[in-house]
């Protein structure tokens, strides 16, 4: 973890930073975690939050694969399940 904090004092590093460093798509295209509450309470946009969470899960899988030195998933290997 010390290597991935890049000298920062916090006890974590961002998924967006790891995505950039390890060359897989960043999950942070539309909103980030700090905006979820606003999107829920002010916009009531559950679909947008669901999509955000889905991208975070996918990025976590991509990170796991990169750290195991395995190929990351490509678009045709990913199935997006619509909310009902």
N, C-alpha and C. Protein backbone atom coordinates (compact mmCIF):
# COMPACT_ATOMS: atom_id res chain seq x y z
N UNK A 1 0.82 -1.19 0.00
CA UNK A 1 0.00 0.00 0.00
C UNK A 1 0.86 1.26 0.00
N UNK A 2 1.99 1.21 0.67
CA UNK A 2 2.87 2.37 0.72
C UNK A 2 3.27 2.82 -0.69
N UNK A 3 3.50 1.88 -1.58
CA UNK A 3 3.88 2.23 -2.95
C UNK A 3 2.75 2.94 -3.69
N UNK A 4 1.52 2.49 -3.48
CA UNK A 4 0.39 3.02 -4.24
C UNK A 4 -0.15 4.33 -3.68
N UNK A 5 0.26 4.72 -2.48
CA UNK A 5 -0.20 5.99 -1.92
C UNK A 5 0.58 7.16 -2.51
N UNK A 6 1.69 6.89 -3.17
CA UNK A 6 2.51 7.92 -3.81
C UNK A 6 2.87 9.04 -2.83
N UNK A 7 3.24 8.66 -1.60
CA UNK A 7 3.68 9.63 -0.61
C UNK A 7 2.58 10.33 0.14
N UNK A 8 1.32 10.06 -0.20
CA UNK A 8 0.21 10.71 0.49
C UNK A 8 0.08 10.13 1.90
N UNK A 9 -0.50 10.87 2.82
CA UNK A 9 -0.64 10.45 4.21
C UNK A 9 -1.87 9.58 4.46
N UNK A 10 -2.81 9.56 3.54
CA UNK A 10 -4.03 8.78 3.76
C UNK A 10 -3.73 7.28 3.72
N UNK A 11 -4.67 6.47 4.17
CA UNK A 11 -4.45 5.03 4.27
C UNK A 11 -5.03 4.27 3.08
N UNK A 12 -5.29 4.97 1.98
CA UNK A 12 -5.85 4.34 0.79
C UNK A 12 -5.35 5.07 -0.44
N UNK A 13 -5.63 4.52 -1.59
CA UNK A 13 -5.38 5.22 -2.84
C UNK A 13 -6.62 5.10 -3.71
N UNK A 14 -6.77 5.95 -4.67
CA UNK A 14 -8.01 5.97 -5.45
C UNK A 14 -7.99 4.92 -6.55
N UNK A 15 -9.17 4.40 -6.83
CA UNK A 15 -9.33 3.45 -7.93
C UNK A 15 -9.04 4.15 -9.26
N UNK A 16 -9.38 5.42 -9.36
CA UNK A 16 -9.10 6.19 -10.57
C UNK A 16 -7.60 6.27 -10.83
N UNK A 17 -6.81 6.52 -9.79
CA UNK A 17 -5.36 6.59 -9.93
C UNK A 17 -4.79 5.23 -10.32
N UNK A 18 -5.23 4.18 -9.66
CA UNK A 18 -4.74 2.84 -10.00
C UNK A 18 -5.10 2.48 -11.44
N UNK A 19 -6.28 2.86 -11.88
CA UNK A 19 -6.69 2.60 -13.26
C UNK A 19 -5.74 3.29 -14.24
N UNK A 20 -5.38 4.52 -13.94
CA UNK A 20 -4.47 5.26 -14.82
C UNK A 20 -3.08 4.63 -14.83
N UNK A 21 -2.58 4.29 -13.66
CA UNK A 21 -1.23 3.73 -13.55
C UNK A 21 -1.13 2.34 -14.17
N UNK A 22 -2.18 1.54 -13.97
CA UNK A 22 -2.15 0.16 -14.45
C UNK A 22 -2.85 -0.03 -15.79
N UNK A 23 -3.25 1.07 -16.40
CA UNK A 23 -3.78 1.09 -17.77
C UNK A 23 -5.01 0.22 -17.99
N UNK A 24 -6.05 0.52 -17.22
CA UNK A 24 -7.37 -0.05 -17.51
C UNK A 24 -8.38 1.09 -17.37
N UNK A 25 -9.55 0.94 -17.98
CA UNK A 25 -10.51 2.05 -18.00
C UNK A 25 -10.91 2.52 -16.59
N UNK A 26 -10.91 3.82 -16.42
CA UNK A 26 -11.29 4.41 -15.13
C UNK A 26 -12.81 4.33 -14.96
N UNK A 27 -13.24 4.03 -13.73
CA UNK A 27 -14.68 4.01 -13.49
C UNK A 27 -15.27 5.40 -13.26
N UNK A 28 -14.43 6.41 -13.14
CA UNK A 28 -14.89 7.74 -12.74
C UNK A 28 -15.06 8.66 -13.95
N UNK A 29 -16.08 8.38 -14.74
CA UNK A 29 -16.34 9.19 -15.92
C UNK A 29 -17.46 10.20 -15.69
N UNK A 30 -18.47 9.78 -14.93
CA UNK A 30 -19.65 10.60 -14.75
C UNK A 30 -19.67 11.25 -13.36
N UNK A 31 -19.73 10.43 -12.33
CA UNK A 31 -19.76 10.93 -10.96
C UNK A 31 -18.74 10.17 -10.13
N UNK A 32 -18.44 10.70 -8.95
CA UNK A 32 -17.58 9.97 -8.02
C UNK A 32 -18.34 9.80 -6.70
N UNK A 33 -17.73 9.08 -5.77
CA UNK A 33 -18.40 8.75 -4.52
C UNK A 33 -18.92 9.95 -3.74
N UNK A 34 -18.23 11.07 -3.85
CA UNK A 34 -18.66 12.26 -3.11
C UNK A 34 -19.97 12.84 -3.66
N UNK A 35 -20.37 12.43 -4.85
CA UNK A 35 -21.56 12.99 -5.47
C UNK A 35 -22.78 12.08 -5.38
N UNK A 36 -22.60 10.85 -4.88
CA UNK A 36 -23.70 9.88 -4.85
C UNK A 36 -24.88 10.38 -4.02
N UNK A 37 -24.60 10.94 -2.85
CA UNK A 37 -25.68 11.45 -2.00
C UNK A 37 -26.50 12.51 -2.69
N UNK A 38 -25.82 13.44 -3.35
CA UNK A 38 -26.53 14.51 -4.06
C UNK A 38 -27.38 13.94 -5.20
N UNK A 39 -26.80 13.01 -5.95
CA UNK A 39 -27.54 12.41 -7.08
C UNK A 39 -28.78 11.67 -6.56
N UNK A 40 -28.66 11.03 -5.40
CA UNK A 40 -29.81 10.34 -4.83
C UNK A 40 -30.85 11.31 -4.30
N UNK A 41 -30.43 12.24 -3.44
CA UNK A 41 -31.39 13.11 -2.76
C UNK A 41 -31.93 14.24 -3.63
N UNK A 42 -31.11 14.78 -4.51
CA UNK A 42 -31.56 15.92 -5.32
C UNK A 42 -32.09 15.51 -6.69
N UNK A 43 -31.50 14.48 -7.27
CA UNK A 43 -31.90 14.07 -8.62
C UNK A 43 -32.73 12.79 -8.63
N UNK A 44 -32.70 12.04 -7.52
CA UNK A 44 -33.41 10.77 -7.40
C UNK A 44 -33.10 9.85 -8.59
N UNK A 45 -31.82 9.82 -8.99
CA UNK A 45 -31.41 9.08 -10.19
C UNK A 45 -30.71 7.77 -9.79
N UNK A 46 -31.53 6.78 -9.44
CA UNK A 46 -31.02 5.48 -9.01
C UNK A 46 -30.26 4.79 -10.14
N UNK A 47 -30.73 4.95 -11.37
CA UNK A 47 -30.04 4.31 -12.50
C UNK A 47 -28.62 4.83 -12.65
N UNK A 48 -28.43 6.11 -12.46
CA UNK A 48 -27.09 6.71 -12.56
C UNK A 48 -26.18 6.17 -11.45
N UNK A 49 -26.71 6.05 -10.25
CA UNK A 49 -25.93 5.50 -9.13
C UNK A 49 -25.62 4.03 -9.37
N UNK A 50 -26.58 3.30 -9.88
CA UNK A 50 -26.39 1.88 -10.19
C UNK A 50 -25.27 1.71 -11.22
N UNK A 51 -25.29 2.53 -12.25
CA UNK A 51 -24.26 2.49 -13.29
C UNK A 51 -22.88 2.83 -12.70
N UNK A 52 -22.84 3.81 -11.82
CA UNK A 52 -21.60 4.19 -11.13
C UNK A 52 -21.05 3.01 -10.33
N UNK A 53 -21.91 2.35 -9.57
CA UNK A 53 -21.48 1.20 -8.76
C UNK A 53 -21.01 0.04 -9.64
N UNK A 54 -21.71 -0.18 -10.72
CA UNK A 54 -21.33 -1.24 -11.66
C UNK A 54 -19.92 -0.99 -12.22
N UNK A 55 -19.63 0.26 -12.56
CA UNK A 55 -18.30 0.59 -13.08
C UNK A 55 -17.22 0.41 -12.02
N UNK A 56 -17.53 0.70 -10.77
CA UNK A 56 -16.58 0.48 -9.68
C UNK A 56 -16.27 -1.01 -9.50
N UNK A 57 -17.30 -1.83 -9.57
CA UNK A 57 -17.09 -3.28 -9.45
C UNK A 57 -16.23 -3.78 -10.60
N UNK A 58 -16.54 -3.35 -11.80
CA UNK A 58 -15.75 -3.77 -12.96
C UNK A 58 -14.30 -3.31 -12.84
N UNK A 59 -14.08 -2.09 -12.39
CA UNK A 59 -12.71 -1.59 -12.22
C UNK A 59 -11.97 -2.39 -11.16
N UNK A 60 -12.67 -2.81 -10.11
CA UNK A 60 -12.04 -3.62 -9.06
C UNK A 60 -11.62 -4.98 -9.63
N UNK A 61 -12.45 -5.55 -10.47
CA UNK A 61 -12.10 -6.81 -11.14
C UNK A 61 -10.89 -6.60 -12.04
N UNK A 62 -10.89 -5.50 -12.80
CA UNK A 62 -9.76 -5.22 -13.69
C UNK A 62 -8.47 -5.04 -12.89
N UNK A 63 -8.56 -4.36 -11.76
CA UNK A 63 -7.40 -4.19 -10.88
C UNK A 63 -6.90 -5.54 -10.40
N UNK A 64 -7.79 -6.39 -9.93
CA UNK A 64 -7.42 -7.72 -9.48
C UNK A 64 -6.70 -8.49 -10.58
N UNK A 65 -7.25 -8.44 -11.80
CA UNK A 65 -6.63 -9.15 -12.91
C UNK A 65 -5.23 -8.59 -13.22
N UNK A 66 -5.10 -7.27 -13.22
CA UNK A 66 -3.79 -6.65 -13.47
C UNK A 66 -2.76 -7.08 -12.43
N UNK A 67 -3.17 -7.06 -11.15
CA UNK A 67 -2.25 -7.43 -10.09
C UNK A 67 -1.86 -8.90 -10.15
N UNK A 68 -2.70 -9.73 -10.75
CA UNK A 68 -2.38 -11.14 -10.94
C UNK A 68 -1.65 -11.39 -12.27
N UNK A 69 -1.38 -10.28 -12.99
CA UNK A 69 -0.72 -10.33 -14.30
C UNK A 69 -1.50 -11.17 -15.31
N UNK A 70 -2.80 -10.99 -15.25
CA UNK A 70 -3.71 -11.67 -16.17
C UNK A 70 -4.31 -10.62 -17.10
N UNK A 71 -4.79 -11.03 -18.27
CA UNK A 71 -5.42 -10.06 -19.17
C UNK A 71 -6.70 -9.48 -18.56
N UNK A 72 -6.90 -8.18 -18.77
CA UNK A 72 -8.14 -7.57 -18.28
C UNK A 72 -9.28 -7.96 -19.22
N UNK A 73 -10.50 -7.77 -18.74
CA UNK A 73 -11.67 -8.09 -19.54
C UNK A 73 -11.83 -7.05 -20.65
N UNK A 74 -12.27 -7.51 -21.80
CA UNK A 74 -12.57 -6.60 -22.91
C UNK A 74 -14.09 -6.49 -23.02
N UNK A 75 -14.55 -5.51 -23.74
CA UNK A 75 -15.96 -5.16 -23.77
C UNK A 75 -16.88 -6.34 -24.10
N UNK A 76 -16.49 -7.20 -25.04
CA UNK A 76 -17.38 -8.31 -25.40
C UNK A 76 -17.43 -9.41 -24.33
N UNK A 77 -16.62 -9.30 -23.29
CA UNK A 77 -16.65 -10.24 -22.17
C UNK A 77 -17.48 -9.71 -21.00
N UNK A 78 -18.00 -8.51 -21.13
CA UNK A 78 -18.71 -7.86 -20.04
C UNK A 78 -20.20 -7.78 -20.40
N UNK A 79 -21.02 -8.24 -19.48
CA UNK A 79 -22.47 -8.20 -19.66
C UNK A 79 -23.06 -7.22 -18.67
N UNK A 80 -23.76 -6.23 -19.17
CA UNK A 80 -24.42 -5.24 -18.31
C UNK A 80 -25.88 -5.69 -18.14
N UNK A 81 -26.26 -5.88 -16.90
CA UNK A 81 -27.62 -6.33 -16.62
C UNK A 81 -28.48 -5.11 -16.30
N UNK A 82 -29.51 -4.87 -17.08
CA UNK A 82 -30.34 -3.69 -16.82
C UNK A 82 -31.16 -3.86 -15.55
N UNK A 83 -31.41 -2.73 -14.89
CA UNK A 83 -32.28 -2.71 -13.71
C UNK A 83 -33.71 -2.93 -14.14
N UNK A 84 -34.42 -3.64 -13.35
CA UNK A 84 -35.85 -3.86 -13.69
C UNK A 84 -36.74 -2.92 -12.94
